[in-house]
Amino acid sequence: MNVTFIGDLSIKDAELLEAFARRSPIVLEFGSGGSTQVFDQCGCSVVSVETSQKWIDKTKKRVSPKVQFIAYQTEFQCEFDLIFVDGIDELRRDFALKTWRYLKVGGVMIFHDTRRSRDFENVITLMREHLNEIWHVEVNARMEGVSSNCTVIHKKRHEPYLNWTELEGKPRSAYGYEN
């Protein structure tokens, strides 16, 4: 790991965030702290959404002045390469659902603490609502053989459901149905 941090983040989680941050120029996060420090050290442009002025003040001391701290909100003027969902438990689902539209195609949304069932429920809810825009999901993604506490959802361009049995034009008998 090439970054240092102080905060409520495991080393494996920080390694995972670092790996994705190195490919993500513009990052949006909910919850300031260790993750903010990781993203900042990776050279990302960071927008950190926070509900606690105490956490903003604490984190500001450990990051460069280019990190933008804002009070809780879910409306933005740009798209992001990476969105990290952490922050206070009660707002995580809301934040994820409302900011998905700001995630670039090809980007990732990373949920923290998904070994806890309530946080994994947030992942499931987002997947239900946006399944036609999800390319790949890594549940508690692994770094060097060890599972992290983060689930990564990769976004793709919207693909509506298509009934391939009708599109291919094959007879019903080709699929095991009687004619």
C-alpha atoms as a PDB file:
ATOM      1  CA  MET A   1       0.000   0.000   0.000  1.00  0.00           C
ATOM      2  CA  ASN A   2       1.338   3.398  -0.992  1.00  0.00           C
ATOM      3  CA  VAL A   3      -0.936   5.580   1.128  1.00  0.00           C
ATOM      4  CA  THR A   4      -1.294   6.366   4.810  1.00  0.00           C
ATOM      5  CA  PHE A   5      -4.445   7.251   6.693  1.00  0.00           C
ATOM      6  CA  ILE A   6      -6.045   7.669  10.078  1.00  0.00           C
ATOM      7  CA  GLY A   7      -9.672   6.598  10.311  1.00  0.00           C
ATOM      8  CA  ASP A   8     -12.222   3.821  10.573  1.00  0.00           C
ATOM      9  CA  LEU A   9     -10.984   1.792   7.623  1.00  0.00           C
ATOM     10  CA  SER A  10      -9.178  -1.559   7.528  1.00  0.00           C
ATOM     11  CA  ILE A  11      -5.902  -1.923   5.660  1.00  0.00           C
ATOM     12  CA  LYS A  12      -7.549  -4.257   3.101  1.00  0.00           C
ATOM     13  CA  ASP A  13     -10.359  -1.758   2.541  1.00  0.00           C
ATOM     14  CA  ALA A  14      -7.807   1.026   2.077  1.00  0.00           C
ATOM     15  CA  GLU A  15      -5.847  -1.104  -0.412  1.00  0.00           C
ATOM     16  CA  LEU A  16      -9.020  -1.742  -2.392  1.00  0.00           C
ATOM     17  CA  LEU A  17      -9.929   1.959  -2.409  1.00  0.00           C
ATOM     18  CA  GLU A  18      -6.396   2.850  -3.475  1.00  0.00           C
ATOM     19  CA  ALA A  19      -6.517   0.374  -6.380  1.00  0.00           C
ATOM     20  CA  PHE A  20      -9.771   1.818  -7.701  1.00  0.00           C
ATOM     21  CA  ALA A  21      -8.813   5.438  -6.935  1.00  0.00           C
ATOM     22  CA  ARG A  22      -5.680   5.172  -9.080  1.00  0.00           C
ATOM     23  CA  ARG A  23      -8.047   4.672 -12.072  1.00  0.00           C
ATOM     24  CA  SER A  24     -10.642   7.237 -10.972  1.00  0.00           C
ATOM     25  CA  PRO A  25      -9.832  10.918 -11.492  1.00  0.00           C
ATOM     26  CA  ILE A  26     -13.108  12.233  -9.995  1.00  0.00           C
ATOM     27  CA  VAL A  27     -14.420  10.773  -6.726  1.00  0.00           C
ATOM     28  CA  LEU A  28     -17.560  11.382  -4.694  1.00  0.00           C
ATOM     29  CA  GLU A  29     -17.713   9.976  -1.215  1.00  0.00           C
ATOM     30  CA  PHE A  30     -20.224   9.939   1.604  1.00  0.00           C
ATOM     31  CA  GLY A  31     -18.380   9.997   4.908  1.00  0.00           C
ATOM     32  CA  SER A  32     -15.100  11.858   5.468  1.00  0.00           C
ATOM     33  CA  GLY A  33     -12.072  10.276   7.106  1.00  0.00           C
ATOM     34  CA  GLY A  34      -9.623   7.572   6.118  1.00  0.00           C
ATOM     35  CA  SER A  35     -11.119   7.140   2.654  1.00  0.00           C
ATOM     36  CA  THR A  36     -10.751  10.871   1.963  1.00  0.00           C
ATOM     37  CA  GLN A  37      -7.058  10.635   2.774  1.00  0.00           C
ATOM     38  CA  VAL A  38      -6.631   7.617   0.474  1.00  0.00           C
ATOM     39  CA  PHE A  39      -8.401   9.312  -2.450  1.00  0.00           C
ATOM     40  CA  ASP A  40      -6.475  12.556  -1.934  1.00  0.00           C
ATOM     41  CA  GLN A  41      -3.101  10.782  -1.894  1.00  0.00           C
ATOM     42  CA  CYS A  42      -4.024   9.030  -5.147  1.00  0.00           C
ATOM     43  CA  GLY A  43      -4.376  12.436  -6.813  1.00  0.00           C
ATOM     44  CA  CYS A  44      -8.143  12.267  -7.242  1.00  0.00           C
ATOM     45  CA  SER A  45     -10.392  15.268  -7.378  1.00  0.00           C
ATOM     46  CA  VAL A  46     -12.507  14.545  -4.270  1.00  0.00           C
ATOM     47  CA  VAL A  47     -15.940  15.759  -3.234  1.00  0.00           C
ATOM     48  CA  SER A  48     -16.553  14.597   0.327  1.00  0.00           C
ATOM     49  CA  VAL A  49     -20.158  14.677   1.558  1.00  0.00           C
ATOM     50  CA  GLU A  50     -20.423  14.707   5.348  1.00  0.00           C
ATOM     51  CA  THR A  51     -23.106  15.146   8.012  1.00  0.00           C
ATOM     52  CA  SER A  52     -20.721  15.971  10.861  1.00  0.00           C
ATOM     53  CA  GLN A  53     -18.705  19.185  11.057  1.00  0.00           C
ATOM     54  CA  LYS A  54     -16.447  17.396  13.554  1.00  0.00           C
ATOM     55  CA  TRP A  55     -15.438  14.842  10.877  1.00  0.00           C
ATOM     56  CA  ILE A  56     -14.934  17.575   8.301  1.00  0.00           C
ATOM     57  CA  ASP A  57     -12.648  19.503  10.666  1.00  0.00           C
ATOM     58  CA  LYS A  58     -10.719  16.354  11.620  1.00  0.00           C
ATOM     59  CA  THR A  59     -10.225  15.230   8.028  1.00  0.00           C
ATOM     60  CA  LYS A  60      -9.325  18.687   6.665  1.00  0.00           C
ATOM     61  CA  LYS A  61      -6.170  18.563   8.815  1.00  0.00           C
ATOM     62  CA  ARG A  62      -4.991  15.442   6.966  1.00  0.00           C
ATOM     63  CA  VAL A  63      -5.720  16.246   3.314  1.00  0.00           C
ATOM     64  CA  SER A  64      -4.758  18.800   0.719  1.00  0.00           C
ATOM     65  CA  PRO A  65      -6.806  21.987   0.307  1.00  0.00           C
ATOM     66  CA  LYS A  66      -8.101  20.750  -3.055  1.00  0.00           C
ATOM     67  CA  VAL A  67     -10.517  18.311  -1.344  1.00  0.00           C
ATOM     68  CA  GLN A  68     -13.997  19.801  -1.396  1.00  0.00           C
ATOM     69  CA  PHE A  69     -16.114  19.193   1.729  1.00  0.00           C
ATOM     70  CA  ILE A  70     -19.867  19.711   1.561  1.00  0.00           C
ATOM     71  CA  ALA A  71     -22.836  19.104   3.830  1.00  0.00           C
ATOM     72  CA  TYR A  72     -25.078  16.147   3.033  1.00  0.00           C
ATOM     73  CA  GLN A  73     -26.682  16.417  -0.381  1.00  0.00           C
ATOM     74  CA  THR A  74     -27.453  14.163  -3.327  1.00  0.00           C
ATOM     75  CA  GLU A  75     -27.569  16.626  -6.234  1.00  0.00           C
ATOM     76  CA  PHE A  76     -24.419  17.372  -8.257  1.00  0.00           C
ATOM     77  CA  GLN A  77     -23.335  19.164 -11.417  1.00  0.00           C
ATOM     78  CA  CYS A  78     -20.905  16.558 -12.759  1.00  0.00           C
ATOM     79  CA  GLU A  79     -20.341  12.831 -13.122  1.00  0.00           C
ATOM     80  CA  PHE A  80     -17.938  10.756 -11.050  1.00  0.00           C
ATOM     81  CA  ASP A  81     -15.634   7.830 -11.829  1.00  0.00           C
ATOM     82  CA  LEU A  82     -15.969   6.403  -8.328  1.00  0.00           C
ATOM     83  CA  ILE A  83     -18.625   6.845  -5.652  1.00  0.00           C
ATOM     84  CA  PHE A  84     -17.854   5.550  -2.162  1.00  0.00           C
ATOM     85  CA  VAL A  85     -20.874   4.919   0.078  1.00  0.00           C
ATOM     86  CA  ASP A  86     -20.049   5.108   3.795  1.00  0.00           C
ATOM     87  CA  GLY A  87     -21.133   7.883   6.190  1.00  0.00           C
ATOM     88  CA  ILE A  88     -23.898   7.536   8.751  1.00  0.00           C
ATOM     89  CA  ASP A  89     -25.910   4.339   8.438  1.00  0.00           C
ATOM     90  CA  GLU A  90     -29.330   5.985   8.154  1.00  0.00           C
ATOM     91  CA  LEU A  91     -28.433   7.845   4.938  1.00  0.00           C
ATOM     92  CA  ARG A  92     -26.304   5.308   3.063  1.00  0.00           C
ATOM     93  CA  ARG A  93     -29.127   3.784   1.017  1.00  0.00           C
ATOM     94  CA  ASP A  94     -30.584   7.186   0.140  1.00  0.00           C
ATOM     95  CA  PHE A  95     -27.171   8.459  -0.901  1.00  0.00           C
ATOM     96  CA  ALA A  96     -26.450   5.444  -3.110  1.00  0.00           C
ATOM     97  CA  LEU A  97     -29.844   5.447  -4.821  1.00  0.00           C
ATOM     98  CA  LYS A  98     -29.825   9.182  -5.514  1.00  0.00           C
ATOM     99  CA  THR A  99     -26.209   9.430  -6.691  1.00  0.00           C
ATOM    100  CA  TRP A 100     -26.148   6.385  -9.012  1.00  0.00           C
ATOM    101  CA  ARG A 101     -27.196   8.653 -11.890  1.00  0.00           C
ATOM    102  CA  TYR A 102     -24.007  10.698 -11.376  1.00  0.00           C
ATOM    103  CA  LEU A 103     -21.759   7.644 -11.765  1.00  0.00           C
ATOM    104  CA  LYS A 104     -20.118   7.489 -15.194  1.00  0.00           C
ATOM    105  CA  VAL A 105     -20.615   4.437 -17.356  1.00  0.00           C
ATOM    106  CA  GLY A 106     -17.521   2.342 -16.646  1.00  0.00           C
ATOM    107  CA  GLY A 107     -17.299   3.742 -13.115  1.00  0.00           C
ATOM    108  CA  VAL A 108     -17.696   1.964  -9.792  1.00  0.00           C
ATOM    109  CA  MET A 109     -19.837   2.457  -6.728  1.00  0.00           C
ATOM    110  CA  ILE A 110     -18.191   0.981  -3.643  1.00  0.00           C
ATOM    111  CA  PHE A 111     -20.227   0.227  -0.534  1.00  0.00           C
ATOM    112  CA  HIS A 112     -18.389   0.032   2.801  1.00  0.00           C
ATOM    113  CA  ASP A 113     -19.193  -2.385   5.651  1.00  0.00           C
ATOM    114  CA  THR A 114     -20.992  -4.947   3.476  1.00  0.00           C
ATOM    115  CA  ARG A 115     -20.191  -7.799   5.820  1.00  0.00           C
ATOM    116  CA  ARG A 116     -23.009  -6.296   7.882  1.00  0.00           C
ATOM    117  CA  SER A 117     -26.407  -7.411   6.590  1.00  0.00           C
ATOM    118  CA  ARG A 118     -27.979  -3.942   6.744  1.00  0.00           C
ATOM    119  CA  ASP A 119     -25.238  -2.550   4.510  1.00  0.00           C
ATOM    120  CA  PHE A 120     -25.513  -5.469   2.119  1.00  0.00           C
ATOM    121  CA  GLU A 121     -29.262  -4.773   1.927  1.00  0.00           C
ATOM    122  CA  ASN A 122     -28.302  -1.355   0.523  1.00  0.00           C
ATOM    123  CA  VAL A 123     -26.365  -3.125  -2.235  1.00  0.00           C
ATOM    124  CA  ILE A 124     -29.325  -5.386  -2.998  1.00  0.00           C
ATOM    125  CA  THR A 125     -31.717  -2.434  -3.141  1.00  0.00           C
ATOM    126  CA  LEU A 126     -29.476  -0.578  -5.602  1.00  0.00           C
ATOM    127  CA  MET A 127     -29.077  -3.726  -7.710  1.00  0.00           C
ATOM    128  CA  ARG A 128     -32.861  -4.222  -7.860  1.00  0.00           C
ATOM    129  CA  GLU A 129     -33.430  -0.655  -9.033  1.00  0.00           C
ATOM    130  CA  HIS A 130     -30.581  -0.522 -11.563  1.00  0.00           C
ATOM    131  CA  LEU A 131     -29.988  -4.116 -12.660  1.00  0.00           C
ATOM    132  CA  ASN A 132     -29.953  -3.224 -16.350  1.00  0.00           C
ATOM    133  CA  GLU A 133     -27.036  -0.842 -15.718  1.00  0.00           C
ATOM    134  CA  ILE A 134     -24.848  -3.226 -13.717  1.00  0.00           C
ATOM    135  CA  TRP A 135     -22.046  -5.053 -15.458  1.00  0.00           C
ATOM    136  CA  HIS A 136     -20.353  -6.787 -12.533  1.00  0.00           C
ATOM    137  CA  VAL A 137     -20.588  -7.012  -8.737  1.00  0.00           C
ATOM    138  CA  GLU A 138     -17.755  -7.982  -6.404  1.00  0.00           C
ATOM    139  CA  VAL A 139     -19.193  -8.865  -2.999  1.00  0.00           C
ATOM    140  CA  ASN A 140     -16.634  -8.123  -0.272  1.00  0.00           C
ATOM    141  CA  ALA A 141     -14.029  -7.836  -3.011  1.00  0.00           C
ATOM    142  CA  ARG A 142     -10.745  -9.624  -2.500  1.00  0.00           C
ATOM    143  CA  MET A 143      -7.323  -8.037  -2.373  1.00  0.00           C
ATOM    144  CA  GLU A 144      -4.424 -10.481  -2.560  1.00  0.00           C
ATOM    145  CA  GLY A 145      -6.595 -13.397  -1.443  1.00  0.00           C
ATOM    146  CA  VAL A 146      -8.169 -11.615   1.536  1.00  0.00           C
ATOM    147  CA  SER A 147     -11.754 -10.370   1.420  1.00  0.00           C
ATOM    148  CA  SER A 148     -12.357  -6.711   2.070  1.00  0.00           C
ATOM    149  CA  ASN A 149     -15.396  -5.215   3.760  1.00  0.00           C
ATOM    150  CA  CYS A 150     -16.401  -3.473   0.533  1.00  0.00           C
ATOM    151  CA  THR A 151     -18.740  -4.458  -2.285  1.00  0.00           C
ATOM    152  CA  VAL A 152     -17.951  -2.993  -5.705  1.00  0.00           C
ATOM    153  CA  ILE A 153     -20.612  -2.437  -8.372  1.00  0.00           C
ATOM    154  CA  HIS A 154     -19.397  -1.711 -11.909  1.00  0.00           C
ATOM    155  CA  LYS A 155     -21.725   0.427 -14.030  1.00  0.00           C
ATOM    156  CA  LYS A 156     -22.463  -0.242 -17.694  1.00  0.00           C
ATOM    157  CA  ARG A 157     -24.622   1.470 -20.272  1.00  0.00           C
ATOM    158  CA  HIS A 158     -28.348   0.711 -19.791  1.00  0.00           C
ATOM    159  CA  GLU A 159     -29.408  -2.460 -21.587  1.00  0.00           C
ATOM    160  CA  PRO A 160     -33.129  -3.193 -21.543  1.00  0.00           C
ATOM    161  CA  TYR A 161     -34.407  -6.722 -21.194  1.00  0.00           C
ATOM    162  CA  LEU A 162     -34.659  -8.456 -24.556  1.00  0.00           C
ATOM    163  CA  ASN A 163     -36.432 -11.757 -25.080  1.00  0.00           C
ATOM    164  CA  TRP A 164     -33.689 -13.573 -26.947  1.00  0.00           C
ATOM    165  CA  THR A 165     -35.962 -16.534 -27.774  1.00  0.00           C
ATOM    166  CA  GLU A 166     -38.026 -14.160 -29.918  1.00  0.00           C
ATOM    167  CA  LEU A 167     -35.078 -12.136 -31.263  1.00  0.00           C
ATOM    168  CA  GLU A 168     -33.157 -15.150 -32.536  1.00  0.00           C
ATOM    169  CA  GLY A 169     -36.156 -16.359 -34.556  1.00  0.00           C
ATOM    170  CA  LYS A 170     -35.495 -20.010 -33.832  1.00  0.00           C
ATOM    171  CA  PRO A 171     -38.465 -22.363 -33.668  1.00  0.00           C
ATOM    172  CA  ARG A 172     -39.826 -23.033 -30.160  1.00  0.00           C
ATOM    173  CA  SER A 173     -38.698 -26.667 -30.511  1.00  0.00           C
ATOM    174  CA  ALA A 174     -35.047 -25.450 -30.481  1.00  0.00           C
ATOM    175  CA  TYR A 175     -35.585 -24.371 -26.890  1.00  0.00           C
ATOM    176  CA  GLY A 176     -37.246 -27.612 -25.829  1.00  0.00           C
ATOM    177  CA  TYR A 177     -40.852 -26.534 -26.310  1.00  0.00           C
ATOM    178  CA  GLU A 178     -43.351 -28.525 -28.298  1.00  0.00           C
ATOM    179  CA  ASN A 179     -44.538 -26.829 -31.497  1.00  0.00           C
END
